Protein backbone atom coordinates (compact mmCIF):
# COMPACT_ATOMS: atom_id res chain seq x y z
CA UNK A 1 -0.18 165.85 155.09
CA UNK A 2 -3.41 166.16 153.72
CA UNK A 3 -5.74 162.42 153.61
CA UNK A 4 -6.37 163.00 150.11
CA UNK A 5 -4.55 163.77 147.74
CA UNK A 6 -4.71 164.58 143.38
CA UNK A 7 -4.24 161.59 140.93
CA UNK A 8 -5.08 161.14 136.97
CA UNK A 9 -7.14 157.75 135.85
CA UNK A 10 -9.97 155.93 133.51
CA UNK A 11 -13.02 153.64 133.98
CA UNK A 12 -13.92 152.88 130.72
CA UNK A 13 -11.37 152.51 127.79
CA UNK A 14 -11.60 155.03 125.02
CA UNK A 15 -9.52 157.63 122.27
CA UNK A 16 -7.04 159.76 123.71
CA UNK A 17 -9.52 162.51 121.95
CA UNK A 18 -12.22 162.13 124.14
CA UNK A 19 -12.07 163.87 127.50
CA UNK A 20 -13.26 161.28 129.95
CA UNK A 21 -9.87 158.70 128.42
CA UNK A 22 -8.01 160.23 131.27
CA UNK A 23 -9.43 161.98 134.44
CA UNK A 24 -7.96 164.45 137.52
CA UNK A 25 -9.35 162.45 140.21
CA UNK A 26 -9.03 162.74 144.89
CA UNK A 27 -7.95 159.12 146.26
CA UNK A 28 -7.33 158.60 149.69
CA UNK A 29 -3.92 159.17 150.53
CA UNK A 30 -2.09 154.89 150.70
CA UNK A 31 -0.70 154.05 153.71
CA UNK A 32 2.67 152.09 152.78
CA UNK A 33 3.00 148.04 153.28
CA UNK A 34 6.44 146.54 155.04
CA UNK A 35 8.89 147.61 152.40
CA UNK A 36 6.80 150.74 150.67
CA UNK A 37 8.23 153.83 150.10
CA UNK A 38 5.61 156.71 149.99
CA UNK A 39 6.45 158.92 147.77
CA UNK A 40 5.54 162.42 146.62
CA UNK A 41 5.94 162.07 143.05
CA UNK A 42 7.37 165.99 141.40
CA UNK A 43 7.51 163.88 137.24
CA UNK A 44 6.61 160.98 135.57
CA UNK A 45 7.10 159.33 131.72
CA UNK A 46 4.43 158.39 129.47
CA UNK A 47 5.41 154.77 127.90
CA UNK A 48 4.13 152.68 125.13
CA UNK A 49 2.89 150.27 128.28
CA UNK A 50 0.36 152.95 129.33
CA UNK A 51 -1.10 153.80 126.67
CA UNK A 52 -1.74 149.79 125.89
CA UNK A 53 -3.29 149.73 128.79
CA UNK A 54 -5.62 152.52 128.63
CA UNK A 55 -6.93 151.31 125.14
CA UNK A 56 -6.72 147.49 126.23
CA UNK A 57 -7.65 147.66 129.69
CA UNK A 58 -11.49 148.64 130.41
CA UNK A 59 -11.54 148.61 134.31
CA UNK A 60 -15.60 148.48 132.66
CA UNK A 61 -16.49 151.39 135.50
CA UNK A 62 -13.86 150.56 137.83
CA UNK A 63 -11.35 152.85 138.90
CA UNK A 64 -7.70 152.06 137.22
CA UNK A 65 -4.55 154.74 137.59
CA UNK A 66 -1.88 154.26 135.08
CA UNK A 67 1.86 155.55 134.81
CA UNK A 68 5.48 153.38 135.58
CA UNK A 69 7.87 155.61 135.89
CA UNK A 70 8.30 158.29 138.89
CA UNK A 71 10.37 160.76 140.74
CA UNK A 72 9.90 161.82 143.53
CA UNK A 73 11.05 162.48 147.71
CA UNK A 74 10.40 159.98 149.98
CA UNK A 75 7.43 161.36 152.47
CA UNK A 76 6.98 158.05 154.72
CA UNK A 77 8.69 154.71 154.95
CA UNK A 78 7.18 150.90 155.83
CA UNK A 79 8.17 148.71 159.40
CA UNK A 80 10.81 146.62 157.30
CA UNK A 81 12.30 148.99 155.13
CA UNK A 82 16.27 150.15 155.27
CA UNK A 83 17.37 151.44 152.09
CA UNK A 84 15.78 154.53 151.83
CA UNK A 85 15.48 156.93 154.29
CA UNK A 86 12.35 160.14 154.58
CA UNK A 87 13.88 162.96 152.42
CA UNK A 88 15.48 160.45 150.49
CA UNK A 89 15.22 161.56 145.86
CA UNK A 90 14.69 158.63 144.15
CA UNK A 91 12.91 157.15 140.82
CA UNK A 92 11.93 153.78 139.35
CA UNK A 93 9.38 152.47 137.15
CA UNK A 94 7.58 150.54 139.71
CA UNK A 95 4.68 146.79 139.47
CA UNK A 96 2.38 146.95 137.12
CA UNK A 97 0.23 144.59 139.30
CA UNK A 98 -0.20 147.56 142.21
CA UNK A 99 -1.72 151.27 141.25
CA UNK A 100 0.10 153.09 139.18
CA UNK A 101 2.24 156.58 139.38
CA UNK A 102 0.38 159.04 138.67
CA UNK A 103 -1.25 160.35 141.49
CA UNK A 104 0.36 163.42 144.30
CA UNK A 105 1.56 160.19 146.70
CA UNK A 106 2.92 156.71 145.07
CA UNK A 107 3.18 153.34 146.92
CA UNK A 108 6.32 151.42 145.26
CA UNK A 109 8.45 148.71 146.81
CA UNK A 110 11.96 149.96 147.85
CA UNK A 111 13.14 146.65 145.81
CA UNK A 112 13.04 148.29 142.95
CA UNK A 113 13.57 152.02 143.14
CA UNK A 114 16.75 154.26 142.80
CA UNK A 115 18.65 156.72 143.60
CA UNK A 116 17.61 159.73 141.77
CA UNK A 117 20.89 160.92 140.00
CA UNK A 118 21.50 163.59 140.95
CA UNK A 119 22.65 166.06 138.25
CA UNK A 120 19.79 165.84 137.90
CA UNK A 121 16.01 167.57 137.46
CA UNK A 122 12.76 165.58 138.32
CA UNK A 123 11.54 166.28 134.89
CA UNK A 124 14.49 164.31 133.47
CA UNK A 125 14.99 161.32 135.94
CA UNK A 126 12.08 160.47 135.03
CA UNK A 127 13.14 159.34 131.81
CA UNK A 128 14.74 156.65 132.85
CA UNK A 129 13.96 153.85 134.38
CA UNK A 130 11.13 151.79 132.44
CA UNK A 131 13.27 152.27 129.40
CA UNK A 132 16.68 151.83 131.42
CA UNK A 133 15.13 148.40 132.98
CA UNK A 134 14.28 147.73 130.25
CA UNK A 135 17.37 147.95 128.09
CA UNK A 136 19.86 146.58 131.38
CA UNK A 137 17.36 142.81 132.26
CA UNK A 138 18.31 142.99 127.62
CA UNK A 139 21.82 143.03 128.28
CA UNK A 140 23.18 141.32 130.77
CA UNK A 141 20.11 139.12 131.83
CA UNK A 142 18.97 138.27 128.50
CA UNK A 143 22.21 138.69 126.71
CA UNK A 144 24.58 137.34 129.72
CA UNK A 145 26.85 139.98 128.74
CA UNK A 146 29.66 141.90 130.51
CA UNK A 147 32.87 144.01 129.60
CA UNK A 148 35.08 141.34 127.79
CA UNK A 149 32.26 140.98 125.74
CA UNK A 150 32.61 141.30 121.60
CA UNK A 151 30.35 140.64 118.68
CA UNK A 152 27.56 142.90 117.39
CA UNK A 153 24.36 144.50 118.60
CA UNK A 154 21.30 144.97 115.90
CA UNK A 155 19.52 148.35 117.77
CA UNK A 156 15.89 148.40 115.53
CA UNK A 157 14.31 151.35 116.55
CA UNK A 158 17.08 152.75 118.75
CA UNK A 159 15.42 156.60 118.58
CA UNK A 160 13.01 155.40 120.54
CA UNK A 161 12.70 155.56 124.68
CA UNK A 162 14.00 151.49 125.45
CA UNK A 163 16.50 151.62 121.82
CA UNK A 164 17.98 154.93 123.51
CA UNK A 165 19.37 153.31 126.32
CA UNK A 166 20.19 149.80 124.64
CA UNK A 167 22.88 152.15 122.70
CA UNK A 168 24.37 154.04 125.19
CA UNK A 169 24.54 150.84 127.70
CA UNK A 170 25.92 148.72 125.60
CA UNK A 171 28.66 151.21 124.83
CA UNK A 172 29.46 151.63 127.83
CA UNK A 173 29.61 148.56 129.44
CA UNK A 174 30.82 146.67 126.92
CA UNK A 175 32.81 146.28 123.97
CA UNK A 176 29.98 145.57 121.56
CA UNK A 177 30.25 147.25 117.99
CA UNK A 178 26.69 148.99 118.01
CA UNK A 179 24.10 148.79 114.80
CA UNK A 180 21.01 150.85 115.58
CA UNK A 181 18.23 151.07 113.14
CA UNK A 182 16.23 154.90 112.33
CA UNK A 183 14.81 156.41 109.19
CA UNK A 184 14.26 159.81 109.74
CA UNK A 185 17.16 162.57 109.90
CA UNK A 186 16.76 163.69 112.94
CA UNK A 187 16.85 160.47 114.21
CA UNK A 188 20.06 159.46 113.45
CA UNK A 189 21.49 162.47 114.80
CA UNK A 190 19.96 160.70 117.99
CA UNK A 191 21.49 157.48 117.98
CA UNK A 192 24.72 158.87 116.83
CA UNK A 193 25.49 161.11 119.35
CA UNK A 194 23.84 158.30 122.03
CA UNK A 195 26.78 156.40 120.70
CA UNK A 196 25.50 154.26 117.73
CA UNK A 197 28.71 153.12 115.43
CA UNK A 198 26.95 152.79 112.38
CA UNK A 199 23.28 154.32 111.72
CA UNK A 200 21.36 152.13 109.42
CA UNK A 201 17.96 152.69 107.77
CA UNK A 202 14.97 150.18 109.19
CA UNK A 203 13.08 151.16 106.38
CA UNK A 204 13.11 148.46 103.18
CA UNK A 205 15.29 146.58 102.99
CA UNK A 206 16.48 146.24 106.59
CA UNK A 207 18.72 142.70 105.78
CA UNK A 208 20.97 143.94 103.26
CA UNK A 209 21.48 147.44 104.29
CA UNK A 210 22.28 146.26 107.79
CA UNK A 211 24.92 143.78 105.69
CA UNK A 212 26.56 146.84 104.22
CA UNK A 213 27.96 147.76 107.62
CA UNK A 214 28.14 143.62 108.98
CA UNK A 215 28.30 142.04 105.95
CA UNK A 216 28.73 138.94 108.37
CA UNK A 217 25.68 139.32 110.41
CA UNK A 218 24.92 140.03 113.57
CA UNK A 219 25.39 138.44 117.26
CA UNK A 220 22.07 140.31 119.02
CA UNK A 221 19.32 142.08 118.10
CA UNK A 222 17.34 143.67 120.18
CA UNK A 223 13.28 144.27 118.66
CA UNK A 224 11.04 146.73 119.88
CA UNK A 225 8.26 145.85 116.87
CA UNK A 226 8.66 142.07 116.25
CA UNK A 227 5.98 141.51 113.77
CA UNK A 228 6.88 140.60 110.42
CA UNK A 229 10.62 140.65 111.68
CA UNK A 230 11.63 137.22 111.77
CA UNK A 231 12.33 136.18 108.56
CA UNK A 232 14.96 139.25 108.21
CA UNK A 233 16.08 138.42 112.25
CA UNK A 234 17.63 135.05 110.86
CA UNK A 235 18.90 136.09 108.01
CA UNK A 236 21.32 137.99 110.27
CA UNK A 237 21.97 136.11 112.56
CA UNK A 238 25.60 134.50 113.02
CA UNK A 239 25.15 130.62 113.82
CA UNK A 240 24.54 131.13 118.06
CA UNK A 241 22.30 134.36 117.39
CA UNK A 242 20.05 135.85 120.30
CA UNK A 243 16.58 138.38 119.72
CA UNK A 244 15.70 139.96 122.58
CA UNK A 245 12.15 141.17 121.89
CA UNK A 246 9.18 143.42 124.14
CA UNK A 247 6.49 143.38 122.44
CA UNK A 248 3.60 141.07 121.66
CA UNK A 249 2.86 140.05 118.13
CA UNK A 250 0.12 137.89 117.89
CA UNK A 251 0.59 134.50 116.45
CA UNK A 252 4.86 134.88 116.22
CA UNK A 253 6.60 131.47 114.11
CA UNK A 254 10.64 131.79 116.01
CA UNK A 255 11.01 128.61 113.84
CA UNK A 256 13.08 130.35 111.28
CA UNK A 257 15.67 131.13 113.79
CA UNK A 258 16.30 127.35 114.47
CA UNK A 259 18.43 126.95 111.28
CA UNK A 260 21.03 128.74 112.45
CA UNK A 261 20.36 127.66 116.03
CA UNK A 262 19.09 131.45 116.96
CA UNK A 263 17.50 131.50 120.61
CA UNK A 264 14.95 134.34 120.98
CA UNK A 265 13.92 136.41 123.89
CA UNK A 266 11.68 137.61 126.42
CA UNK A 267 12.19 140.88 128.35
CA UNK A 268 9.42 142.11 130.49
CA UNK A 269 10.86 144.20 133.10
CA UNK A 270 7.74 143.84 135.55
CA UNK A 271 8.70 140.43 135.89
CA UNK A 272 10.65 140.96 139.13
CA UNK A 273 8.58 142.90 140.63
CA UNK A 274 5.45 140.18 140.18
CA UNK A 275 7.17 136.74 140.79
CA UNK A 276 10.49 137.92 141.96
CA UNK A 277 9.09 140.60 145.51
CA UNK A 278 12.25 140.19 147.18
CA UNK A 279 15.49 140.47 144.37
CA UNK A 280 17.00 143.96 144.47
CA UNK A 281 18.80 144.08 141.38
CA UNK A 282 16.55 146.85 140.28
CA UNK A 283 17.49 148.60 143.04
CA UNK A 284 21.19 148.15 142.47
CA UNK A 285 20.77 148.74 138.74
CA UNK A 286 18.83 151.91 139.20
CA UNK A 287 21.75 152.90 141.38
CA UNK A 288 24.84 151.81 139.50
CA UNK A 289 22.35 153.85 136.23
CA UNK A 290 22.40 156.71 138.70
CA UNK A 291 26.55 156.64 138.90
CA UNK A 292 26.76 156.51 135.52
CA UNK A 293 24.78 159.53 134.82
CA UNK A 294 26.03 161.47 137.47
CA UNK A 295 29.53 161.00 135.80
CA UNK A 296 28.48 162.40 132.91
CA UNK A 297 28.97 158.80 130.41
CA UNK A 298 24.89 158.04 129.67
CA UNK A 299 22.78 160.61 129.00
CA UNK A 300 19.29 161.60 129.78
CA UNK A 301 16.52 160.92 127.26
CA UNK A 302 13.89 163.56 127.59
CA UNK A 303 13.37 165.42 125.00
CA UNK A 304 9.80 166.37 125.14
CA UNK A 305 8.19 168.42 128.39
CA UNK A 306 5.31 169.48 129.55
CA UNK A 307 3.90 170.32 132.88
CA UNK A 308 2.85 170.14 135.39
CA UNK A 309 0.62 166.51 135.72
CA UNK A 310 -3.03 166.48 135.15
CA UNK A 311 -5.60 164.82 133.13
CA UNK A 312 -5.17 167.29 130.51
CA UNK A 313 -1.22 167.48 129.85
CA UNK A 314 -1.69 163.68 130.07
CA UNK A 315 -3.44 163.17 127.41
CA UNK A 316 -1.20 164.72 125.15
CA UNK A 317 1.92 162.40 126.07
CA UNK A 318 -0.16 159.79 125.41
CA UNK A 319 -1.24 161.84 122.17
CA UNK A 320 2.94 161.63 121.74
CA UNK A 321 3.18 158.70 122.34
CA UNK A 322 0.51 156.53 120.10
CA UNK A 323 1.27 158.73 116.82
CA UNK A 324 4.76 156.93 117.35
CA UNK A 325 8.64 157.98 116.12
CA UNK A 326 9.17 159.48 119.16
CA UNK A 327 12.65 160.16 119.52
CA UNK A 328 13.40 159.45 123.44
CA UNK A 329 10.84 160.53 125.65
CA UNK A 330 7.82 162.23 127.08
CA UNK A 331 8.10 163.28 130.38
CA UNK A 332 6.07 165.25 132.86
CA UNK A 333 7.30 167.76 135.38
CA UNK A 334 6.08 170.50 138.24
CA UNK A 335 4.29 167.68 139.66
CA UNK A 336 0.10 168.26 140.15
CA UNK A 337 0.77 172.12 140.14
CA UNK A 338 -0.57 174.66 143.09
């Protein structure tokens, strides 16, 4: 193995159409720490967090490598690694406090890494980790749902990356009635194919549209876009209903939920890697999801595929995510090319 590797990063926050917004780099290959895997990255995906960090976190001339999803092959392991071996195929979302996955080789803690689904190639596998962990923790950590759980779940933005996994996991692993929101014919069809019992339009009157299929309201709401929505959520939830949000709206006021004793939760899949590194639950859930994918219970969510991994293709992927309206995920495969 060479001592250097190819990577893509940035030194200044710039619009994505600027050629310097993401640039090709050559960096030293990092050495694994005690619980680290050194992964040869075969594929990555782009999430909204990538574009938010690139446009909102200016490294002021320092180098920053993005990327919070990857699939690849373990090339070396740290002294205390017990869950993986050299040659294992893995997929994971990483840790926002460490260097990102947009590099030829990448370090990741074994305790937040899963064995790649054998039925998916690297490109399709790279679409899953961040959105799957977020969806899983929303349903089973925040809402405390289980196989016997019943009631009604409203998944807003159900055609997006996380929404696509919330719909599937709720259908596969709970007894909930799942309502997804989508506006365009193609996104409505996507959400239906993923298993939603009902699909309603989130443009216009969300409360009216939802109550047409759930006249008594809903028990749970997943929200990737919460700004200006709290009043609507408060009208939709039943007494004791719950909302989990993954965005960061400024000045959010959740007081309207009080009238129905509603609860508001936040979900950030980086919380455990940042503050509970000894926790292995993300490793365990990724392994369980891989088994569900291989059994045909869950579907992959990659809809746009680019190759190879480079500054040019990553700029194109960031542009797709920034334009919003994405169905599923955009992924980059083929490694860093020849």
